Amino acid sequence: MNKIPQNYYTAAFRGGIQVTTDYIRAANIRQAAMVAVYQGNVRHLIYEYIDIIGEDTNEKLTIKKGGLLK
């Protein structure tokens, strides 16, 4: 059984009343994006954009609500 590499990502929900930051552990930035959208929906966060930044890697990804930006 192979061990899946885990990276740490920071997700910043912005565009609402305040900026909310969440820490996510995922295999890659796309998986972190899926987790961030799920967390935003479960916690009923009001946001327009989610910025995902890799803690270990220098990857950055911005998600617009209902779409995906690069």
PDB file of N, CA and C in Angstrom:
ATOM      1  N   MET A   1       0.844  -1.173   0.000  1.00  0.00           N
ATOM      2  CA  MET A   1       0.000   0.000   0.000  1.00  0.00           C
ATOM      3  C   MET A   1       0.895   1.245   0.000  1.00  0.00           C
ATOM      4  N   ASN A   2       0.692   2.092  -0.988  1.00  0.00           N
ATOM      5  CA  ASN A   2       1.505   3.304  -1.111  1.00  0.00           C
ATOM      6  C   ASN A   2       0.911   4.426  -0.273  1.00  0.00           C
ATOM      7  N   LYS A   3       1.800   5.231   0.261  1.00  0.00           N
ATOM      8  CA  LYS A   3       1.355   6.376   1.042  1.00  0.00           C
ATOM      9  C   LYS A   3       1.120   7.555   0.100  1.00  0.00           C
ATOM     10  N   ILE A   4      -0.030   8.168   0.200  1.00  0.00           N
ATOM     11  CA  ILE A   4      -0.366   9.317  -0.639  1.00  0.00           C
ATOM     12  C   ILE A   4       0.280  10.554  -0.024  1.00  0.00           C
ATOM     13  N   PRO A   5       1.032  11.319  -0.818  1.00  0.00           N
ATOM     14  CA  PRO A   5       1.662  12.521  -0.258  1.00  0.00           C
ATOM     15  C   PRO A   5       0.611  13.550   0.160  1.00  0.00           C
ATOM     16  N   GLN A   6       0.812  14.150   1.292  1.00  0.00           N
ATOM     17  CA  GLN A   6      -0.110  15.139   1.822  1.00  0.00           C
ATOM     18  C   GLN A   6       0.591  16.488   1.900  1.00  0.00           C
ATOM     19  N   ASN A   7      -0.075  17.515   1.429  1.00  0.00           N
ATOM     20  CA  ASN A   7       0.435  18.880   1.502  1.00  0.00           C
ATOM     21  C   ASN A   7      -0.560  19.723   2.299  1.00  0.00           C
ATOM     22  N   TYR A   8      -0.076  20.832   2.800  1.00  0.00           N
ATOM     23  CA  TYR A   8      -0.919  21.735   3.568  1.00  0.00           C
ATOM     24  C   TYR A   8      -1.238  22.964   2.728  1.00  0.00           C
ATOM     25  N   TYR A   9      -2.510  23.369   2.750  1.00  0.00           N
ATOM     26  CA  TYR A   9      -2.978  24.508   1.984  1.00  0.00           C
ATOM     27  C   TYR A   9      -3.762  25.444   2.883  1.00  0.00           C
ATOM     28  N   THR A  10      -3.725  26.734   2.554  1.00  0.00           N
ATOM     29  CA  THR A  10      -4.516  27.737   3.248  1.00  0.00           C
ATOM     30  C   THR A  10      -5.603  28.218   2.295  1.00  0.00           C
ATOM     31  N   ALA A  11      -6.846  28.177   2.739  1.00  0.00           N
ATOM     32  CA  ALA A  11      -7.967  28.659   1.938  1.00  0.00           C
ATOM     33  C   ALA A  11      -8.520  29.919   2.595  1.00  0.00           C
ATOM     34  N   ALA A  12      -8.543  31.011   1.841  1.00  0.00           N
ATOM     35  CA  ALA A  12      -9.081  32.282   2.337  1.00  0.00           C
ATOM     36  C   ALA A  12     -10.377  32.577   1.593  1.00  0.00           C
ATOM     37  N   PHE A  13     -11.471  32.608   2.330  1.00  0.00           N
ATOM     38  CA  PHE A  13     -12.778  32.925   1.768  1.00  0.00           C
ATOM     39  C   PHE A  13     -12.945  34.430   1.853  1.00  0.00           C
ATOM     40  N   ARG A  14     -13.045  35.108   0.700  1.00  0.00           N
ATOM     41  CA  ARG A  14     -13.147  36.566   0.720  1.00  0.00           C
ATOM     42  C   ARG A  14     -14.304  37.023  -0.157  1.00  0.00           C
ATOM     43  N   GLY A  15     -14.681  38.264   0.042  1.00  0.00           N
ATOM     44  CA  GLY A  15     -15.780  38.839  -0.723  1.00  0.00           C
ATOM     45  C   GLY A  15     -17.060  38.957   0.078  1.00  0.00           C
ATOM     46  N   GLY A  16     -17.039  38.499   1.295  1.00  0.00           N
ATOM     47  CA  GLY A  16     -18.220  38.609   2.159  1.00  0.00           C
ATOM     48  C   GLY A  16     -18.018  39.716   3.175  1.00  0.00           C
ATOM     49  N   ILE A  17     -18.576  39.531   4.332  1.00  0.00           N
ATOM     50  CA  ILE A  17     -18.457  40.531   5.392  1.00  0.00           C
ATOM     51  C   ILE A  17     -17.033  40.547   5.951  1.00  0.00           C
ATOM     52  N   GLN A  18     -16.443  39.375   6.092  1.00  0.00           N
ATOM     53  CA  GLN A  18     -15.073  39.283   6.604  1.00  0.00           C
ATOM     54  C   GLN A  18     -14.347  38.165   5.873  1.00  0.00           C
ATOM     55  N   VAL A  19     -13.027  38.170   5.990  1.00  0.00           N
ATOM     56  CA  VAL A  19     -12.209  37.124   5.373  1.00  0.00           C
ATOM     57  C   VAL A  19     -12.056  35.995   6.376  1.00  0.00           C
ATOM     58  N   THR A  20     -12.376  34.791   5.962  1.00  0.00           N
ATOM     59  CA  THR A  20     -12.257  33.606   6.806  1.00  0.00           C
ATOM     60  C   THR A  20     -11.145  32.730   6.252  1.00  0.00           C
ATOM     61  N   THR A  21     -10.260  32.272   7.125  1.00  0.00           N
ATOM     62  CA  THR A  21      -9.134  31.436   6.712  1.00  0.00           C
ATOM     63  C   THR A  21      -9.320  30.032   7.246  1.00  0.00           C
ATOM     64  N   ASP A  22      -8.998  29.052   6.420  1.00  0.00           N
ATOM     65  CA  ASP A  22      -9.139  27.647   6.785  1.00  0.00           C
ATOM     66  C   ASP A  22      -7.891  26.905   6.339  1.00  0.00           C
ATOM     67  N   TYR A  23      -7.419  25.968   7.137  1.00  0.00           N
ATOM     68  CA  TYR A  23      -6.267  25.160   6.786  1.00  0.00           C
ATOM     69  C   TYR A  23      -6.741  23.793   6.318  1.00  0.00           C
ATOM     70  N   ILE A  24      -6.197  23.345   5.179  1.00  0.00           N
ATOM     71  CA  ILE A  24      -6.638  22.105   4.551  1.00  0.00           C
ATOM     72  C   ILE A  24      -5.434  21.227   4.289  1.00  0.00           C
ATOM     73  N   ARG A  25      -5.594  19.938   4.536  1.00  0.00           N
ATOM     74  CA  ARG A  25      -4.560  18.951   4.218  1.00  0.00           C
ATOM     75  C   ARG A  25      -5.080  18.097   3.075  1.00  0.00           C
ATOM     76  N   ALA A  26      -4.353  18.106   1.943  1.00  0.00           N
ATOM     77  CA  ALA A  26      -4.828  17.394   0.750  1.00  0.00           C
ATOM     78  C   ALA A  26      -3.635  16.919  -0.071  1.00  0.00           C
ATOM     79  N   ALA A  27      -3.918  16.027  -1.033  1.00  0.00           N
ATOM     80  CA  ALA A  27      -2.871  15.467  -1.885  1.00  0.00           C
ATOM     81  C   ALA A  27      -2.395  16.482  -2.922  1.00  0.00           C
ATOM     82  N   ASN A  28      -3.318  17.293  -3.469  1.00  0.00           N
ATOM     83  CA  ASN A  28      -2.931  18.313  -4.447  1.00  0.00           C
ATOM     84  C   ASN A  28      -3.871  19.504  -4.333  1.00  0.00           C
ATOM     85  N   ILE A  29      -3.579  20.546  -5.108  1.00  0.00           N
ATOM     86  CA  ILE A  29      -4.330  21.793  -4.966  1.00  0.00           C
ATOM     87  C   ILE A  29      -5.773  21.647  -5.454  1.00  0.00           C
ATOM     88  N   ARG A  30      -6.010  20.777  -6.423  1.00  0.00           N
ATOM     89  CA  ARG A  30      -7.379  20.558  -6.904  1.00  0.00           C
ATOM     90  C   ARG A  30      -8.244  19.882  -5.836  1.00  0.00           C
ATOM     91  N   GLN A  31      -7.649  18.937  -5.134  1.00  0.00           N
ATOM     92  CA  GLN A  31      -8.377  18.288  -4.038  1.00  0.00           C
ATOM     93  C   GLN A  31      -8.633  19.290  -2.919  1.00  0.00           C
ATOM     94  N   ALA A  32      -7.663  20.153  -2.654  1.00  0.00           N
ATOM     95  CA  ALA A  32      -7.855  21.194  -1.644  1.00  0.00           C
ATOM     96  C   ALA A  32      -8.983  22.138  -2.056  1.00  0.00           C
ATOM     97  N   ALA A  33      -9.115  22.412  -3.353  1.00  0.00           N
ATOM     98  CA  ALA A  33     -10.204  23.270  -3.837  1.00  0.00           C
ATOM     99  C   ALA A  33     -11.561  22.627  -3.586  1.00  0.00           C
ATOM    100  N   MET A  34     -11.658  21.322  -3.840  1.00  0.00           N
ATOM    101  CA  MET A  34     -12.923  20.625  -3.592  1.00  0.00           C
ATOM    102  C   MET A  34     -13.277  20.654  -2.108  1.00  0.00           C
ATOM    103  N   VAL A  35     -12.286  20.454  -1.254  1.00  0.00           N
ATOM    104  CA  VAL A  35     -12.522  20.477   0.191  1.00  0.00           C
ATOM    105  C   VAL A  35     -12.938  21.878   0.632  1.00  0.00           C
ATOM    106  N   ALA A  36     -12.304  22.909   0.065  1.00  0.00           N
ATOM    107  CA  ALA A  36     -12.626  24.289   0.444  1.00  0.00           C
ATOM    108  C   ALA A  36     -14.060  24.651   0.061  1.00  0.00           C
ATOM    109  N   VAL A  37     -14.486  24.276  -1.128  1.00  0.00           N
ATOM    110  CA  VAL A  37     -15.861  24.553  -1.549  1.00  0.00           C
ATOM    111  C   VAL A  37     -16.844  23.807  -0.653  1.00  0.00           C
ATOM    112  N   TYR A  38     -16.538  22.559  -0.330  1.00  0.00           N
ATOM    113  CA  TYR A  38     -17.391  21.775   0.567  1.00  0.00           C
ATOM    114  C   TYR A  38     -17.480  22.446   1.943  1.00  0.00           C
ATOM    115  N   GLN A  39     -16.337  22.867   2.499  1.00  0.00           N
ATOM    116  CA  GLN A  39     -16.332  23.518   3.809  1.00  0.00           C
ATOM    117  C   GLN A  39     -17.130  24.817   3.787  1.00  0.00           C
ATOM    118  N   GLY A  40     -17.008  25.572   2.683  1.00  0.00           N
ATOM    119  CA  GLY A  40     -17.767  26.815   2.571  1.00  0.00           C
ATOM    120  C   GLY A  40     -19.262  26.575   2.548  1.00  0.00           C
ATOM    121  N   ASN A  41     -19.679  25.499   1.889  1.00  0.00           N
ATOM    122  CA  ASN A  41     -21.107  25.187   1.833  1.00  0.00           C
ATOM    123  C   ASN A  41     -21.621  24.641   3.161  1.00  0.00           C
ATOM    124  N   VAL A  42     -20.858  23.778   3.797  1.00  0.00           N
ATOM    125  CA  VAL A  42     -21.284  23.176   5.064  1.00  0.00           C
ATOM    126  C   VAL A  42     -21.367  24.231   6.167  1.00  0.00           C
ATOM    127  N   ARG A  43     -20.412  25.141   6.178  1.00  0.00           N
ATOM    128  CA  ARG A  43     -20.380  26.176   7.223  1.00  0.00           C
ATOM    129  C   ARG A  43     -21.206  27.399   6.859  1.00  0.00           C
ATOM    130  N   HIS A  44     -21.869  27.359   5.696  1.00  0.00           N
ATOM    131  CA  HIS A  44     -22.733  28.453   5.225  1.00  0.00           C
ATOM    132  C   HIS A  44     -21.982  29.784   5.191  1.00  0.00           C
ATOM    133  N   LEU A  45     -20.756  29.758   4.676  1.00  0.00           N
ATOM    134  CA  LEU A  45     -19.964  30.977   4.572  1.00  0.00           C
ATOM    135  C   LEU A  45     -20.445  31.802   3.378  1.00  0.00           C
ATOM    136  N   ILE A  46     -20.448  33.115   3.565  1.00  0.00           N
ATOM    137  CA  ILE A  46     -20.778  34.025   2.480  1.00  0.00           C
ATOM    138  C   ILE A  46     -19.460  34.478   1.872  1.00  0.00           C
ATOM    139  N   TYR A  47     -19.233  34.116   0.609  1.00  0.00           N
ATOM    140  CA  TYR A  47     -17.972  34.468  -0.047  1.00  0.00           C
ATOM    141  C   TYR A  47     -18.201  34.636  -1.535  1.00  0.00           C
ATOM    142  N   GLU A  48     -17.291  35.358  -2.166  1.00  0.00           N
ATOM    143  CA  GLU A  48     -17.315  35.518  -3.617  1.00  0.00           C
ATOM    144  C   GLU A  48     -16.135  34.773  -4.243  1.00  0.00           C
ATOM    145  N   TYR A  49     -14.992  34.789  -3.559  1.00  0.00           N
ATOM    146  CA  TYR A  49     -13.783  34.134  -4.050  1.00  0.00           C
ATOM    147  C   TYR A  49     -13.157  33.284  -2.943  1.00  0.00           C
ATOM    148  N   ILE A  50     -12.456  32.226  -3.343  1.00  0.00           N
ATOM    149  CA  ILE A  50     -11.629  31.439  -2.427  1.00  0.00           C
ATOM    150  C   ILE A  50     -10.221  31.443  -2.995  1.00  0.00           C
ATOM    151  N   ASP A  51      -9.268  31.906  -2.218  1.00  0.00           N
ATOM    152  CA  ASP A  51      -7.853  31.859  -2.597  1.00  0.00           C
ATOM    153  C   ASP A  51      -7.222  30.680  -1.887  1.00  0.00           C
ATOM    154  N   ILE A  52      -6.625  29.769  -2.646  1.00  0.00           N
ATOM    155  CA  ILE A  52      -5.957  28.611  -2.066  1.00  0.00           C
ATOM    156  C   ILE A  52      -4.468  28.750  -2.336  1.00  0.00           C
ATOM    157  N   ILE A  53      -3.681  28.701  -1.268  1.00  0.00           N
ATOM    158  CA  ILE A  53      -2.234  28.874  -1.360  1.00  0.00           C
ATOM    159  C   ILE A  53      -1.573  27.681  -0.699  1.00  0.00           C
ATOM    160  N   GLY A  54      -0.619  27.071  -1.384  1.00  0.00           N
ATOM    161  CA  GLY A  54       0.115  25.940  -0.841  1.00  0.00           C
ATOM    162  C   GLY A  54       1.124  26.377   0.200  1.00  0.00           C
ATOM    163  N   GLU A  55       1.129  25.726   1.336  1.00  0.00           N
ATOM    164  CA  GLU A  55       2.091  26.048   2.390  1.00  0.00           C
ATOM    165  C   GLU A  55       3.466  25.478   2.043  1.00  0.00           C
ATOM    166  N   ASP A  56       3.506  24.242   1.559  1.00  0.00           N
ATOM    167  CA  ASP A  56       4.775  23.592   1.225  1.00  0.00           C
ATOM    168  C   ASP A  56       5.207  23.934  -0.198  1.00  0.00           C
ATOM    169  N   THR A  57       4.254  23.983  -1.102  1.00  0.00           N
ATOM    170  CA  THR A  57       4.529  24.339  -2.490  1.00  0.00           C
ATOM    171  C   THR A  57       4.089  25.780  -2.712  1.00  0.00           C
ATOM    172  N   ASN A  58       4.552  26.389  -3.762  1.00  0.00           N
ATOM    173  CA  ASN A  58       4.173  27.778  -4.047  1.00  0.00           C
ATOM    174  C   ASN A  58       3.020  27.850  -5.034  1.00  0.00           C
ATOM    175  N   GLU A  59       2.099  26.893  -4.949  1.00  0.00           N
ATOM    176  CA  GLU A  59       0.938  26.875  -5.832  1.00  0.00           C
ATOM    177  C   GLU A  59      -0.115  27.859  -5.328  1.00  0.00           C
ATOM    178  N   LYS A  60      -0.793  28.511  -6.275  1.00  0.00           N
ATOM    179  CA  LYS A  60      -1.884  29.426  -5.933  1.00  0.00           C
ATOM    180  C   LYS A  60      -3.044  29.151  -6.873  1.00  0.00           C
ATOM    181  N   LEU A  61      -4.245  29.213  -6.325  1.00  0.00           N
ATOM    182  CA  LEU A  61      -5.444  28.983  -7.118  1.00  0.00           C
ATOM    183  C   LEU A  61      -6.555  29.851  -6.564  1.00  0.00           C
ATOM    184  N   THR A  62      -7.299  30.506  -7.458  1.00  0.00           N
ATOM    185  CA  THR A  62      -8.436  31.342  -7.053  1.00  0.00           C
ATOM    186  C   THR A  62      -9.696  30.739  -7.650  1.00  0.00           C
ATOM    187  N   ILE A  63     -10.686  30.565  -6.801  1.00  0.00           N
ATOM    188  CA  ILE A  63     -11.972  29.999  -7.221  1.00  0.00           C
ATOM    189  C   ILE A  63     -13.026  31.084  -7.063  1.00  0.00           C
ATOM    190  N   LYS A  64     -13.763  31.361  -8.137  1.00  0.00           N
ATOM    191  CA  LYS A  64     -14.907  32.255  -8.059  1.00  0.00           C
ATOM    192  C   LYS A  64     -16.122  31.398  -7.788  1.00  0.00           C
ATOM    193  N   LYS A  65     -17.048  31.905  -7.005  1.00  0.00           N
ATOM    194  CA  LYS A  65     -18.226  31.116  -6.680  1.00  0.00           C
ATOM    195  C   LYS A  65     -18.966  30.765  -7.960  1.00  0.00           C
ATOM    196  N   GLY A  66     -19.087  29.469  -8.236  1.00  0.00           N
ATOM    197  CA  GLY A  66     -19.735  28.999  -9.438  1.00  0.00           C
ATOM    198  C   GLY A  66     -18.794  28.813 -10.617  1.00  0.00           C
ATOM    199  N   GLY A  67     -17.498  29.049 -10.431  1.00  0.00           N
ATOM    200  CA  GLY A  67     -16.553  28.908 -11.536  1.00  0.00           C
ATOM    201  C   GLY A  67     -15.147  28.692 -11.022  1.00  0.00           C
ATOM    202  N   LEU A  68     -14.185  28.733 -11.937  1.00  0.00           N
ATOM    203  CA  LEU A  68     -12.791  28.499 -11.578  1.00  0.00           C
ATOM    204  C   LEU A  68     -11.927  29.509 -12.309  1.00  0.00           C
ATOM    205  N   LEU A  69     -11.048  30.183 -11.588  1.00  0.00           N
ATOM    206  CA  LEU A  69     -10.091  31.122 -12.167  1.00  0.00           C
ATOM    207  C   LEU A  69      -8.691  30.549 -12.016  1.00  0.00           C
ATOM    208  N   LYS A  70      -7.775  30.958 -12.863  1.00  0.00           N
ATOM    209  CA  LYS A  70      -6.391  30.456 -12.756  1.00  0.00           C
ATOM    210  C   LYS A  70      -5.514  31.438 -12.038  1.00  0.00           C
TER     211      LYS A  70
END
